[in-house]
Amino acid sequence: MGEKKYSIGVDYGTQSGRAVLVEVDTGKEVATAVKQYTHGVMDEYLPDGVTKLEPDWALQHPADYLEVLEVTIPAVLKEAGVNAEDVIGVGIDFTACTILPTDSEGTPLCFKDEYKSNPHSYVKLWKHHAAQDEANKLNEIAEKRGENFLKRYGGKISSEWLVPKVWQVLNEAPEIYDAADRFMEATDWVILQLTGEEKRNSCTAGYKAIWHKQEGYPSKEFFKALDPRLENLVEEKLSTDIYPLGGKAGEITEKAAKLTGLKPGTAVAIANVDAHVAVPAVGITEPGKMLMIMGTSTCHMLLGTEEKMVPGMCGVVEDGIIPGYKGYEAGQSCVGDHFEWFVENCVPASYTKEAEERGINIHKLLREKAAALKVGESGLVALDWWNGNRSVLVDADLTGVIVGCTLLTKPEEIYRALIEATAYGTRMIIETFQQNGVPITELYAAGGIAEKDELMMQIYSDVTNMEIRISASPQTPALGSAMFGAVAAGKERGGYDSIVDAAKVMAKVKEKYYKPIPENVAVYDKLYAEYKKLHDYFGRGENDVMKRLKEIKKEVVK
């Protein structure tokens, strides 16, 4: 047993999939390989180049997911010079809610000639928003019926989630709905391809499909109230067999071994979601520590021991992140996107020129100039709602505000105010959890922004008055998946018996962390008080000017 043992984590993103090969006894990432999806995100046409998609559609081709396994797994083994015999486990994670219809064998309907020109036969990606009508109707009916589950999701079910998406299929392509033996999360579908077994995970079921460990799915009566044809949705198209994270889904089959180059019998973990799987990868396995996964938007993850109802949270799910705990999720829908908007639309030519002459990118230049400002010096405060508000107001129709501009306001001052706005939004989320009985004592961050942007992380530390630790892995979700792979293998095969044990050894945070600077904290408290007033004034119904402006715009643009 002297040889090193390895596990593989495969992280399926929006544009590509990546595999990471990890040493089980150290957590060291030995090799990484990335495969761009051949079909990418289909938001205008199907692969035939003829069938046009309506606005707000976002589809994927499941063949791309198999290609990721076929290309990246042999690539990491080759790069590291590691033998497939020494790989003890595999775990995967995925964007969610990303669903597809299959037949009784698990074959996607879009693989079949008779359906491949029907858009509804493909994978609906997480950011497919064309089921908004169904979501609105679902929320209205659930509210009228006083459905208990609404409170667990901050009062609203998103158009991104499973039930609105499946209902859209039923409404627009009943023949696809009828032909589908099941609707599956892509993450569970890939596990089915690897192991030959359908083992649906508790994370997507709980956060995206309105399932509850104690209460199960909503009642047949509820589904019937939505649409009589949906009455038996759960029995006919889903499954009540839901498996907690940290379990073993099965083993690599002969067929999957040919595809991946792994050995038949290699352990495969129950599937997971990209954000949720990152939590143990930074070493969080107990309550009180919140992880911010920061990118174009931010996902906030937290463990609790009790189920509390927190306004505006995206969900609370037992076993949804770590077995044995309640997993909470909240989010901000505009973070990296916020700064991108500013750079694309509001930067003067002189700044672009200066950045070019110095050979640095424009974000770096703006951060440099913004970092030279004192807290409060800009005289600005902004709301972070350029893309609506996810938590805690759950209102997609809200828009942005900057207050305090004068004829002397500089681009870097606005840029800094936008960064601060996203930090205030996070503080609002933290305080809302704390006020509703879910304590938060430490902050962690992962993702591109957390790794690269020191100014922003210091601002977040000052605004929240908390220390922030940063993930040391550039591939945090893939590392988390590899950890679950090692747990699926179990101790007797050289892995671990629980994700808590695996995290003690394999999880990683950087040595350097951010500490709040007391004089900054004092000024930010004053600025945050102003943010809060604006937040409630524009966001809680006192002045619905944003919505009225949207209405006027709609009438004019008809």
Protein backbone atom coordinates (compact mmCIF):
# COMPACT_ATOMS: atom_id res chain seq x y z
CA MET A 1 0.00 0.00 0.00
CA GLY A 2 3.02 2.31 -0.30
CA GLU A 3 1.94 4.00 -3.54
CA LYS A 4 0.28 7.38 -3.50
CA LYS A 5 -3.49 7.42 -3.92
CA TYR A 6 -5.35 10.02 -5.96
CA SER A 7 -8.87 11.22 -6.52
CA ILE A 8 -10.32 13.20 -9.41
CA GLY A 9 -12.75 16.11 -9.21
CA VAL A 10 -14.61 17.21 -12.33
CA ASP A 11 -16.15 20.68 -12.23
CA TYR A 12 -18.72 21.42 -14.96
CA GLY A 13 -18.99 25.17 -15.56
CA THR A 14 -21.04 27.25 -17.97
CA GLN A 15 -18.54 27.26 -20.87
CA SER A 16 -16.23 24.34 -20.08
CA GLY A 17 -15.50 21.41 -17.81
CA ARG A 18 -12.27 20.84 -15.88
CA ALA A 19 -10.73 17.86 -14.14
CA VAL A 20 -8.26 18.07 -11.26
CA LEU A 21 -6.12 15.17 -10.06
CA VAL A 22 -5.49 15.45 -6.31
CA GLU A 23 -3.24 13.59 -3.86
CA VAL A 24 -5.55 12.06 -1.26
CA ASP A 25 -3.10 12.29 1.65
CA THR A 26 -2.17 15.98 1.13
CA GLY A 27 -4.86 17.66 -1.00
CA LYS A 28 -2.12 18.73 -3.42
CA GLU A 29 -3.45 19.39 -6.93
CA VAL A 30 -1.12 17.47 -9.23
CA ALA A 31 -2.67 18.12 -12.66
CA THR A 32 -5.54 20.05 -14.25
CA ALA A 33 -7.14 19.79 -17.69
CA VAL A 34 -9.89 21.93 -19.23
CA LYS A 35 -12.20 21.12 -22.15
CA GLN A 36 -14.30 23.88 -23.74
CA TYR A 37 -17.78 22.57 -24.61
CA THR A 38 -17.99 21.83 -28.34
CA HIS A 39 -21.50 23.31 -28.58
CA GLY A 40 -20.92 25.97 -25.90
CA VAL A 41 -24.06 27.72 -24.65
CA MET A 42 -26.81 27.62 -27.28
CA ASP A 43 -28.79 30.83 -26.87
CA GLU A 44 -29.57 31.69 -30.50
CA TYR A 45 -29.75 28.50 -32.58
CA LEU A 46 -29.83 24.72 -32.16
CA PRO A 47 -26.83 22.77 -33.55
CA ASP A 48 -28.67 22.46 -36.88
CA GLY A 49 -28.03 26.19 -37.39
CA VAL A 50 -31.65 26.62 -38.52
CA THR A 51 -33.88 26.31 -35.48
CA LYS A 52 -33.92 29.73 -33.85
CA LEU A 53 -34.33 30.07 -30.08
CA GLU A 54 -36.51 32.67 -28.40
CA PRO A 55 -35.09 35.36 -26.07
CA ASP A 56 -33.93 34.25 -22.57
CA TRP A 57 -33.17 30.71 -23.74
CA ALA A 58 -29.90 28.98 -22.76
CA LEU A 59 -29.36 25.35 -23.78
CA GLN A 60 -26.51 22.86 -23.74
CA HIS A 61 -25.73 19.58 -25.47
CA PRO A 62 -25.23 16.60 -23.13
CA ALA A 63 -22.70 15.05 -25.52
CA ASP A 64 -20.35 17.84 -24.42
CA TYR A 65 -20.42 16.56 -20.84
CA LEU A 66 -19.26 13.10 -21.93
CA GLU A 67 -16.51 14.69 -24.03
CA VAL A 68 -15.23 16.46 -20.90
CA LEU A 69 -14.78 13.06 -19.20
CA GLU A 70 -13.27 11.54 -22.33
CA VAL A 71 -10.70 14.33 -22.80
CA THR A 72 -9.80 15.66 -19.35
CA ILE A 73 -9.49 12.49 -17.27
CA PRO A 74 -6.91 10.78 -19.54
CA ALA A 75 -5.16 14.18 -19.83
CA VAL A 76 -4.61 14.63 -16.07
CA LEU A 77 -3.43 11.03 -15.67
CA LYS A 78 -0.98 11.48 -18.53
CA GLU A 79 0.30 14.86 -17.35
CA ALA A 80 0.98 13.55 -13.84
CA GLY A 81 2.25 10.17 -15.02
CA VAL A 82 -0.25 8.51 -12.70
CA ASN A 83 -1.65 5.04 -13.20
CA ALA A 84 -5.44 4.61 -13.27
CA GLU A 85 -5.04 1.87 -10.61
CA ASP A 86 -3.98 4.54 -8.12
CA VAL A 87 -7.12 6.64 -8.58
CA ILE A 88 -9.49 5.58 -5.79
CA GLY A 89 -12.43 7.90 -6.40
CA VAL A 90 -14.17 10.45 -8.62
CA GLY A 91 -16.55 13.28 -7.70
CA ILE A 92 -18.30 15.80 -9.92
CA ASP A 93 -20.06 19.12 -9.49
CA PHE A 94 -22.19 21.16 -11.86
CA THR A 95 -23.93 24.44 -12.38
CA ALA A 96 -27.57 24.13 -11.25
CA CYS A 97 -30.41 24.06 -11.93
CA THR A 98 -29.35 22.47 -15.25
CA ILE A 99 -31.88 19.82 -16.35
CA LEU A 100 -32.57 17.48 -19.26
CA PRO A 101 -35.28 15.03 -20.39
CA THR A 102 -34.25 11.40 -20.97
CA ASP A 103 -35.91 8.12 -21.93
CA SER A 104 -36.14 5.13 -19.56
CA GLU A 105 -32.55 4.09 -20.40
CA GLY A 106 -31.23 7.54 -19.50
CA THR A 107 -30.62 8.51 -23.13
CA PRO A 108 -31.20 12.26 -23.66
CA LEU A 109 -34.13 12.94 -25.99
CA CYS A 110 -31.96 15.32 -28.05
CA PHE A 111 -29.84 12.31 -29.10
CA LYS A 112 -32.87 10.95 -30.97
CA ASP A 113 -33.52 11.94 -34.59
CA GLU A 114 -37.23 12.57 -34.07
CA TYR A 115 -36.58 15.17 -31.33
CA LYS A 116 -33.26 16.77 -32.15
CA SER A 117 -34.81 19.77 -33.88
CA ASN A 118 -37.04 20.45 -30.85
CA PRO A 119 -35.32 22.91 -28.48
CA HIS A 120 -37.11 21.39 -25.46
CA SER A 121 -35.28 18.07 -25.96
CA TYR A 122 -31.93 19.64 -24.94
CA VAL A 123 -30.38 20.57 -21.60
CA LYS A 124 -31.85 23.73 -20.09
CA LEU A 125 -28.85 25.47 -18.54
CA TRP A 126 -29.05 27.19 -15.14
CA LYS A 127 -29.34 30.59 -16.81
CA HIS A 128 -32.25 29.61 -19.07
CA HIS A 129 -34.77 32.26 -17.97
CA ALA A 130 -37.58 31.59 -20.41
CA ALA A 131 -39.74 29.90 -17.75
CA GLN A 132 -40.40 33.20 -15.95
CA ASP A 133 -44.16 33.09 -16.74
CA GLU A 134 -44.38 29.64 -15.17
CA ALA A 135 -42.39 30.79 -12.14
CA ASN A 136 -44.66 33.81 -11.62
CA LYS A 137 -47.74 31.61 -11.82
CA LEU A 138 -46.24 29.01 -9.49
CA ASN A 139 -45.42 31.66 -6.88
CA GLU A 140 -48.90 33.18 -7.13
CA ILE A 141 -50.62 29.79 -6.70
CA ALA A 142 -48.28 28.71 -3.87
CA GLU A 143 -48.95 31.98 -2.05
CA LYS A 144 -52.72 31.68 -2.45
CA ARG A 145 -52.64 28.12 -1.13
CA GLY A 146 -50.40 29.14 1.78
CA GLU A 147 -47.76 26.58 0.79
CA ASN A 148 -45.27 26.12 3.58
CA PHE A 149 -42.26 25.56 1.35
CA LEU A 150 -42.15 29.16 0.07
CA LYS A 151 -40.62 30.42 3.32
CA ARG A 152 -37.65 28.09 2.91
CA TYR A 153 -36.75 29.82 -0.36
CA GLY A 154 -37.01 33.42 0.73
CA GLY A 155 -40.62 33.64 -0.46
CA LYS A 156 -40.09 32.91 -4.17
CA ILE A 157 -39.24 30.02 -6.47
CA SER A 158 -36.88 31.11 -9.26
CA SER A 159 -37.53 30.70 -12.99
CA GLU A 160 -34.14 28.95 -13.07
CA TRP A 161 -35.39 26.02 -10.99
CA LEU A 162 -36.70 22.61 -11.94
CA VAL A 163 -40.48 22.92 -11.64
CA PRO A 164 -40.88 26.10 -13.77
CA LYS A 165 -38.51 24.64 -16.41
CA VAL A 166 -40.38 21.32 -16.58
CA TRP A 167 -43.71 23.15 -16.69
CA GLN A 168 -42.43 25.22 -19.61
CA VAL A 169 -41.67 21.97 -21.47
CA LEU A 170 -45.20 20.75 -20.76
CA ASN A 171 -46.74 24.04 -21.95
CA GLU A 172 -44.68 24.49 -25.11
CA ALA A 173 -43.78 20.92 -26.12
CA PRO A 174 -46.18 18.41 -24.53
CA GLU A 175 -44.84 15.71 -26.87
CA ILE A 176 -41.38 16.07 -25.25
CA TYR A 177 -42.92 16.00 -21.77
CA ASP A 178 -44.79 12.79 -22.67
CA ALA A 179 -41.74 11.17 -24.27
CA ALA A 180 -39.56 11.95 -21.24
CA ASP A 181 -39.35 9.06 -18.81
CA ARG A 182 -37.55 11.40 -16.41
CA PHE A 183 -36.22 14.91 -15.98
CA MET A 184 -32.79 14.89 -14.38
CA GLU A 185 -30.24 17.37 -13.14
CA ALA A 186 -27.25 17.20 -15.47
CA THR A 187 -25.06 16.45 -12.46
CA ASP A 188 -27.11 13.31 -11.66
CA TRP A 189 -27.21 12.37 -15.35
CA VAL A 190 -23.41 12.32 -15.56
CA ILE A 191 -23.31 10.05 -12.47
CA LEU A 192 -25.79 7.74 -14.25
CA GLN A 193 -23.38 7.63 -17.24
CA LEU A 194 -20.45 6.75 -14.97
CA THR A 195 -22.11 4.17 -12.71
CA GLY A 196 -25.23 2.97 -14.54
CA GLU A 197 -27.24 4.04 -11.47
CA GLU A 198 -29.70 6.85 -10.96
CA LYS A 199 -28.86 8.38 -7.58
CA ARG A 200 -30.31 11.85 -7.23
CA ASN A 201 -28.44 14.15 -4.85
CA SER A 202 -29.99 15.98 -1.89
CA CYS A 203 -28.37 19.29 -2.86
CA THR A 204 -30.12 19.93 -6.20
CA ALA A 205 -33.31 18.23 -4.99
CA GLY A 206 -33.44 20.52 -1.97
CA TYR A 207 -32.29 23.83 -3.45
CA LYS A 208 -33.71 23.54 -6.95
CA ALA A 209 -36.60 21.03 -6.95
CA ILE A 210 -38.54 22.05 -3.80
CA TRP A 211 -37.71 18.79 -1.98
CA HIS A 212 -37.45 18.61 1.82
CA LYS A 213 -35.85 15.79 3.78
CA GLN A 214 -38.77 15.58 6.24
CA GLU A 215 -41.69 16.63 4.04
CA GLY A 216 -40.61 15.42 0.59
CA TYR A 217 -41.86 17.28 -2.49
CA PRO A 218 -44.90 19.59 -2.52
CA SER A 219 -48.22 17.72 -2.55
CA LYS A 220 -49.98 16.25 -5.59
CA GLU A 221 -52.75 18.79 -4.91
CA PHE A 222 -50.28 21.60 -5.35
CA PHE A 223 -48.99 20.24 -8.65
CA LYS A 224 -52.57 19.67 -9.79
CA ALA A 225 -53.40 23.29 -8.90
CA LEU A 226 -50.56 24.40 -11.18
CA ASP A 227 -51.76 22.20 -14.04
CA PRO A 228 -53.85 19.00 -13.91
CA ARG A 229 -51.27 17.34 -16.18
CA LEU A 230 -48.58 17.91 -13.52
CA GLU A 231 -50.47 16.09 -10.75
CA ASN A 232 -48.18 13.03 -10.86
CA LEU A 233 -44.97 14.83 -11.87
CA VAL A 234 -42.95 13.42 -8.97
CA GLU A 235 -44.02 9.80 -9.45
CA GLU A 236 -43.91 9.88 -13.25
CA LYS A 237 -40.90 12.07 -14.09
CA LEU A 238 -38.77 12.58 -10.97
CA SER A 239 -37.86 10.28 -8.07
CA THR A 240 -38.42 10.18 -4.34
CA ASP A 241 -35.12 8.35 -3.82
CA ILE A 242 -32.79 11.16 -2.78
CA TYR A 243 -29.25 10.54 -1.53
CA PRO A 244 -27.28 12.73 0.90
CA LEU A 245 -23.97 14.27 -0.13
CA GLY A 246 -20.92 12.41 1.07
CA GLY A 247 -22.30 9.03 -0.03
CA LYS A 248 -21.15 6.71 -2.78
CA ALA A 249 -23.29 6.65 -5.92
CA GLY A 250 -21.69 3.53 -7.37
CA GLU A 251 -18.60 2.45 -9.28
CA ILE A 252 -17.17 3.08 -12.74
CA THR A 253 -18.77 0.61 -15.19
CA GLU A 254 -16.96 -1.17 -18.05
CA LYS A 255 -18.53 1.34 -20.47
CA ALA A 256 -17.44 4.36 -18.39
CA ALA A 257 -13.95 2.82 -18.01
CA LYS A 258 -13.60 2.79 -21.82
CA LEU A 259 -14.72 6.42 -21.97
CA THR A 260 -12.48 7.77 -19.20
CA GLY A 261 -9.50 5.45 -18.93
CA LEU A 262 -10.34 4.81 -15.27
CA LYS A 263 -10.51 1.30 -13.84
CA PRO A 264 -13.92 -0.42 -13.50
CA GLY A 265 -14.86 -0.48 -9.81
CA THR A 266 -13.44 2.99 -9.04
CA ALA A 267 -15.73 4.69 -6.47
CA VAL A 268 -17.99 7.52 -7.67
CA ALA A 269 -19.46 10.07 -5.25
CA ILE A 270 -23.05 11.33 -5.16
CA ALA A 271 -23.11 14.40 -7.44
CA ASN A 272 -22.93 17.97 -6.19
CA VAL A 273 -23.29 21.64 -7.18
CA ASP A 274 -20.33 23.92 -7.93
CA ALA A 275 -21.01 26.46 -5.16
CA HIS A 276 -21.97 23.96 -2.45
CA VAL A 277 -19.02 21.65 -3.06
CA ALA A 278 -16.61 24.57 -2.49
CA VAL A 279 -17.55 24.81 1.21
CA PRO A 280 -15.55 21.81 2.52
CA ALA A 281 -12.74 22.68 0.06
CA VAL A 282 -11.88 25.72 2.22
CA GLY A 283 -12.18 23.64 5.38
CA ILE A 284 -15.66 24.70 6.48
CA THR A 285 -17.40 21.75 8.12
CA GLU A 286 -19.21 23.45 11.00
CA PRO A 287 -21.70 26.29 11.56
CA GLY A 288 -20.86 29.98 11.87
CA LYS A 289 -18.52 30.30 8.89
CA MET A 290 -19.84 31.88 5.70
CA LEU A 291 -18.20 31.25 2.31
CA MET A 292 -18.58 33.86 -0.43
CA ILE A 293 -17.98 32.43 -3.91
CA MET A 294 -17.22 35.59 -5.83
CA GLY A 295 -17.43 35.98 -9.58
CA THR A 296 -19.85 37.75 -11.91
CA SER A 297 -22.32 37.22 -9.07
CA THR A 298 -21.72 36.04 -5.50
CA CYS A 299 -23.09 32.97 -3.77
CA HIS A 300 -23.10 32.96 0.05
CA MET A 301 -22.93 29.56 1.77
CA LEU A 302 -23.41 28.83 5.46
CA LEU A 303 -24.07 25.88 7.79
CA GLY A 304 -26.55 25.87 10.66
CA THR A 305 -27.82 23.35 13.20
CA GLU A 306 -31.48 24.42 13.06
CA GLU A 307 -33.85 25.30 10.24
CA LYS A 308 -34.57 29.03 10.56
CA MET A 309 -36.61 31.11 8.16
CA VAL A 310 -34.39 33.91 6.85
CA PRO A 311 -35.99 36.53 4.58
CA GLY A 312 -34.49 36.52 1.09
CA MET A 313 -32.36 33.41 1.45
CA CYS A 314 -32.20 31.22 -1.66
CA GLY A 315 -32.82 28.08 0.36
CA VAL A 316 -32.20 26.04 3.49
CA VAL A 317 -31.66 22.31 2.91
CA GLU A 318 -30.83 19.52 5.33
CA ASP A 319 -27.68 17.70 4.12
CA GLY A 320 -27.55 20.30 1.33
CA ILE A 321 -23.85 21.14 1.85
CA ILE A 322 -22.44 18.89 4.60
CA PRO A 323 -24.29 15.79 5.86
CA GLY A 324 -25.91 16.37 9.24
CA TYR A 325 -26.26 20.17 8.95
CA LYS A 326 -28.75 22.59 7.47
CA GLY A 327 -27.13 24.29 4.49
CA TYR A 328 -28.11 27.91 3.86
CA GLU A 329 -27.63 29.78 0.61
CA ALA A 330 -28.01 33.47 -0.26
CA GLY A 331 -26.75 35.47 -3.20
CA GLN A 332 -26.01 38.76 -4.92
CA SER A 333 -26.86 38.86 -8.60
CA CYS A 334 -24.39 41.57 -9.60
CA VAL A 335 -20.75 41.68 -8.45
CA GLY A 336 -18.08 41.16 -11.14
CA ASP A 337 -20.75 42.18 -13.66
CA HIS A 338 -21.02 45.52 -11.84
CA PHE A 339 -17.39 46.49 -12.47
CA GLU A 340 -17.52 45.08 -16.01
CA TRP A 341 -20.47 47.37 -16.79
CA PHE A 342 -18.54 50.40 -15.55
CA VAL A 343 -15.38 49.58 -17.50
CA GLU A 344 -17.32 48.92 -20.72
CA ASN A 345 -19.48 52.04 -20.53
CA CYS A 346 -18.01 54.76 -18.32
CA VAL A 347 -14.22 54.98 -18.60
CA PRO A 348 -12.70 58.02 -20.36
CA ALA A 349 -10.23 57.55 -23.24
CA SER A 350 -7.42 59.12 -21.19
CA TYR A 351 -7.65 56.25 -18.66
CA THR A 352 -7.69 53.59 -21.38
CA LYS A 353 -4.61 55.25 -22.88
CA GLU A 354 -2.79 55.40 -19.52
CA ALA A 355 -3.49 51.70 -18.89
CA GLU A 356 -2.21 50.80 -22.37
CA GLU A 357 0.96 52.87 -21.96
CA ARG A 358 1.68 51.20 -18.63
CA GLY A 359 0.85 47.76 -20.01
CA ILE A 360 -1.78 46.99 -17.35
CA ASN A 361 -5.48 46.25 -17.73
CA ILE A 362 -8.06 48.91 -17.04
CA HIS A 363 -9.43 47.20 -13.90
CA LYS A 364 -5.94 47.24 -12.40
CA LEU A 365 -5.51 50.94 -13.16
CA LEU A 366 -8.89 51.81 -11.61
CA ARG A 367 -8.15 49.69 -8.53
CA GLU A 368 -4.82 51.41 -8.10
CA LYS A 369 -6.41 54.86 -8.26
CA ALA A 370 -9.35 53.75 -6.06
CA ALA A 371 -6.97 52.29 -3.46
CA ALA A 372 -5.34 55.71 -3.04
CA LEU A 373 -8.66 57.18 -1.83
CA LYS A 374 -9.55 57.40 1.85
CA VAL A 375 -12.74 55.67 3.02
CA GLY A 376 -15.57 58.18 2.53
CA GLU A 377 -13.44 60.57 0.47
CA SER A 378 -15.51 60.12 -2.69
CA GLY A 379 -18.70 61.37 -1.03
CA LEU A 380 -20.57 58.61 -2.89
CA VAL A 381 -22.80 55.73 -1.91
CA ALA A 382 -24.32 53.29 -4.44
CA LEU A 383 -26.88 50.47 -4.44
CA ASP A 384 -25.68 47.22 -6.00
CA TRP A 385 -28.84 46.44 -7.99
CA TRP A 386 -27.71 46.80 -11.62
CA ASN A 387 -28.95 43.22 -12.14
CA GLY A 388 -31.84 43.27 -9.65
CA ASN A 389 -31.58 42.06 -6.05
CA ARG A 390 -31.35 38.40 -5.08
CA SER A 391 -30.93 38.49 -1.30
CA VAL A 392 -32.52 39.82 0.74
CA LEU A 393 -35.25 41.54 -1.29
CA VAL A 394 -35.74 38.85 -4.00
CA ASP A 395 -36.73 41.42 -6.61
CA ALA A 396 -35.41 41.23 -10.17
CA ASP A 397 -37.06 44.54 -11.13
CA LEU A 398 -34.83 46.72 -8.94
CA THR A 399 -32.13 48.81 -10.66
CA GLY A 400 -29.02 50.81 -9.75
CA VAL A 401 -28.43 54.06 -7.87
CA ILE A 402 -25.40 56.26 -7.23
CA VAL A 403 -25.86 59.16 -4.81
CA GLY A 404 -23.48 62.07 -4.25
CA CYS A 405 -21.99 62.73 -7.69
CA THR A 406 -20.62 66.24 -8.35
CA LEU A 407 -18.74 67.92 -11.20
CA LEU A 408 -15.53 66.76 -9.53
CA THR A 409 -16.45 63.05 -9.26
CA LYS A 410 -13.76 60.87 -10.85
CA PRO A 411 -14.08 57.43 -12.50
CA GLU A 412 -12.07 55.72 -9.74
CA GLU A 413 -14.42 57.19 -7.12
CA ILE A 414 -17.43 55.66 -8.86
CA TYR A 415 -15.53 52.39 -9.35
CA ARG A 416 -14.73 52.28 -5.62
CA ALA A 417 -18.34 53.15 -4.73
CA LEU A 418 -19.53 50.19 -6.83
CA ILE A 419 -17.13 47.84 -5.00
CA GLU A 420 -18.34 49.22 -1.68
CA ALA A 421 -21.98 48.77 -2.75
CA THR A 422 -21.41 45.03 -3.26
CA ALA A 423 -19.75 44.86 0.17
CA TYR A 424 -22.75 46.62 1.77
CA GLY A 425 -25.01 44.07 0.03
CA THR A 426 -23.03 41.25 1.63
CA ARG A 427 -23.23 42.95 5.04
CA MET A 428 -27.01 43.23 4.61
CA ILE A 429 -27.15 39.45 4.00
CA ILE A 430 -24.94 38.70 7.03
CA GLU A 431 -27.03 40.92 9.33
CA THR A 432 -30.29 39.41 8.06
CA PHE A 433 -29.01 35.90 8.92
CA GLN A 434 -27.81 37.03 12.34
CA GLN A 435 -31.10 38.79 13.15
CA ASN A 436 -32.98 35.59 12.26
CA GLY A 437 -31.03 33.31 14.58
CA VAL A 438 -28.27 32.03 12.25
CA PRO A 439 -24.91 33.14 13.67
CA ILE A 440 -21.95 34.12 11.45
CA THR A 441 -18.55 34.58 13.08
CA GLU A 442 -16.06 34.12 10.22
CA LEU A 443 -15.91 34.87 6.51
CA TYR A 444 -14.20 32.90 3.76
CA ALA A 445 -13.93 33.74 0.07
CA ALA A 446 -13.23 31.78 -3.11
CA GLY A 447 -13.26 32.52 -6.83
CA GLY A 448 -11.28 34.75 -9.18
CA ILE A 449 -12.07 38.04 -7.47
CA ALA A 450 -11.18 36.75 -4.01
CA GLU A 451 -7.83 35.50 -5.28
CA LYS A 452 -6.77 38.56 -7.24
CA ASP A 453 -8.43 41.66 -5.87
CA GLU A 454 -6.76 42.78 -2.63
CA LEU A 455 -8.48 46.17 -2.55
CA MET A 456 -11.91 44.58 -2.77
CA MET A 457 -11.23 41.98 -0.10
CA GLN A 458 -9.89 44.64 2.29
CA ILE A 459 -13.03 46.73 1.66
CA TYR A 460 -15.22 43.68 2.43
CA SER A 461 -13.28 43.06 5.65
CA ASP A 462 -13.67 46.72 6.69
CA VAL A 463 -17.38 46.94 5.75
CA THR A 464 -18.32 43.70 7.56
CA ASN A 465 -15.80 44.20 10.38
CA MET A 466 -14.77 40.55 10.02
CA GLU A 467 -11.61 38.66 9.14
CA ILE A 468 -11.70 37.04 5.70
CA ARG A 469 -9.79 33.90 4.74
CA ILE A 470 -9.16 33.08 1.08
CA SER A 471 -9.26 29.70 -0.63
CA ALA A 472 -5.77 28.53 -1.64
CA SER A 473 -7.03 26.47 -4.56
CA PRO A 474 -7.51 28.10 -7.96
CA GLN A 475 -10.01 25.28 -8.64
CA THR A 476 -11.99 25.27 -5.40
CA PRO A 477 -15.09 23.35 -6.66
CA ALA A 478 -12.98 20.70 -8.44
CA LEU A 479 -10.92 20.21 -5.26
CA GLY A 480 -14.17 19.83 -3.27
CA SER A 481 -15.41 17.22 -5.77
CA ALA A 482 -12.12 15.32 -5.51
CA MET A 483 -12.55 15.33 -1.72
CA PHE A 484 -16.01 13.79 -2.04
CA GLY A 485 -14.46 11.25 -4.44
CA ALA A 486 -12.00 10.26 -1.70
CA VAL A 487 -14.89 9.94 0.76
CA ALA A 488 -16.84 7.72 -1.67
CA ALA A 489 -13.81 5.39 -1.75
CA GLY A 490 -13.77 5.19 2.04
CA LYS A 491 -10.92 4.62 4.44
CA GLU A 492 -10.29 0.99 3.54
CA ARG A 493 -9.44 1.98 -0.04
CA GLY A 494 -7.09 4.74 1.08
CA GLY A 495 -9.70 7.53 1.25
CA TYR A 496 -11.74 8.98 4.11
CA ASP A 497 -14.85 7.94 5.98
CA SER A 498 -16.39 11.42 6.07
CA ILE A 499 -16.07 14.80 4.38
CA VAL A 500 -15.12 16.24 7.80
CA ASP A 501 -12.10 13.90 7.93
CA ALA A 502 -11.19 14.68 4.32
CA ALA A 503 -11.40 18.45 4.95
CA LYS A 504 -8.91 18.25 7.83
CA VAL A 505 -6.25 17.06 5.39
CA MET A 506 -7.25 18.12 1.87
CA ALA A 507 -8.86 21.57 2.33
CA LYS A 508 -6.77 24.68 1.77
CA VAL A 509 -6.81 28.39 2.63
CA LYS A 510 -4.03 30.92 2.02
CA GLU A 511 -1.80 31.90 4.94
CA LYS A 512 -2.44 35.56 4.33
CA TYR A 513 -5.87 36.76 5.41
CA TYR A 514 -7.64 40.13 5.59
CA LYS A 515 -8.23 41.91 8.90
CA PRO A 516 -10.54 44.89 9.43
CA ILE A 517 -8.78 48.26 9.91
CA PRO A 518 -10.55 49.95 12.86
CA GLU A 519 -10.54 53.53 11.48
CA ASN A 520 -11.99 52.28 8.17
CA VAL A 521 -14.64 50.27 10.01
CA ALA A 522 -15.81 53.43 11.82
CA VAL A 523 -16.34 55.39 8.58
CA TYR A 524 -17.92 52.42 6.79
CA ASP A 525 -20.46 52.11 9.61
CA LYS A 526 -21.66 55.64 8.75
CA LEU A 527 -21.72 54.94 5.01
CA TYR A 528 -23.52 51.62 5.52
CA ALA A 529 -26.21 53.42 7.55
CA GLU A 530 -26.84 55.58 4.45
CA TYR A 531 -26.84 52.51 2.18
CA LYS A 532 -29.42 50.89 4.44
CA LYS A 533 -31.75 53.90 4.27
CA LEU A 534 -31.55 53.93 0.47
CA HIS A 535 -31.94 50.12 0.38
CA ASP A 536 -35.18 50.23 2.34
CA TYR A 537 -36.51 53.39 0.65
CA PHE A 538 -36.15 52.04 -2.90
CA GLY A 539 -36.37 48.33 -2.12
CA ARG A 540 -39.23 47.90 0.33
CA GLY A 541 -41.99 49.78 -1.45
CA GLU A 542 -41.68 53.33 -0.13
CA ASN A 543 -40.64 54.59 -3.55
CA ASP A 544 -41.15 52.23 -6.50
CA VAL A 545 -39.60 54.67 -8.96
CA MET A 546 -37.42 51.92 -10.51
CA LYS A 547 -40.47 49.88 -11.44
CA ARG A 548 -42.34 52.90 -12.78
CA LEU A 549 -39.36 53.78 -14.97
CA LYS A 550 -39.31 50.22 -16.29
CA GLU A 551 -43.02 50.51 -17.17
CA ILE A 552 -42.46 53.79 -19.03
CA LYS A 553 -39.53 52.22 -20.89
CA LYS A 554 -41.68 49.23 -21.84
CA GLU A 555 -44.42 51.46 -23.27
CA VAL A 556 -41.98 53.50 -25.30
CA VAL A 557 -39.92 50.61 -26.63
CA LYS A 558 -42.96 48.58 -27.76
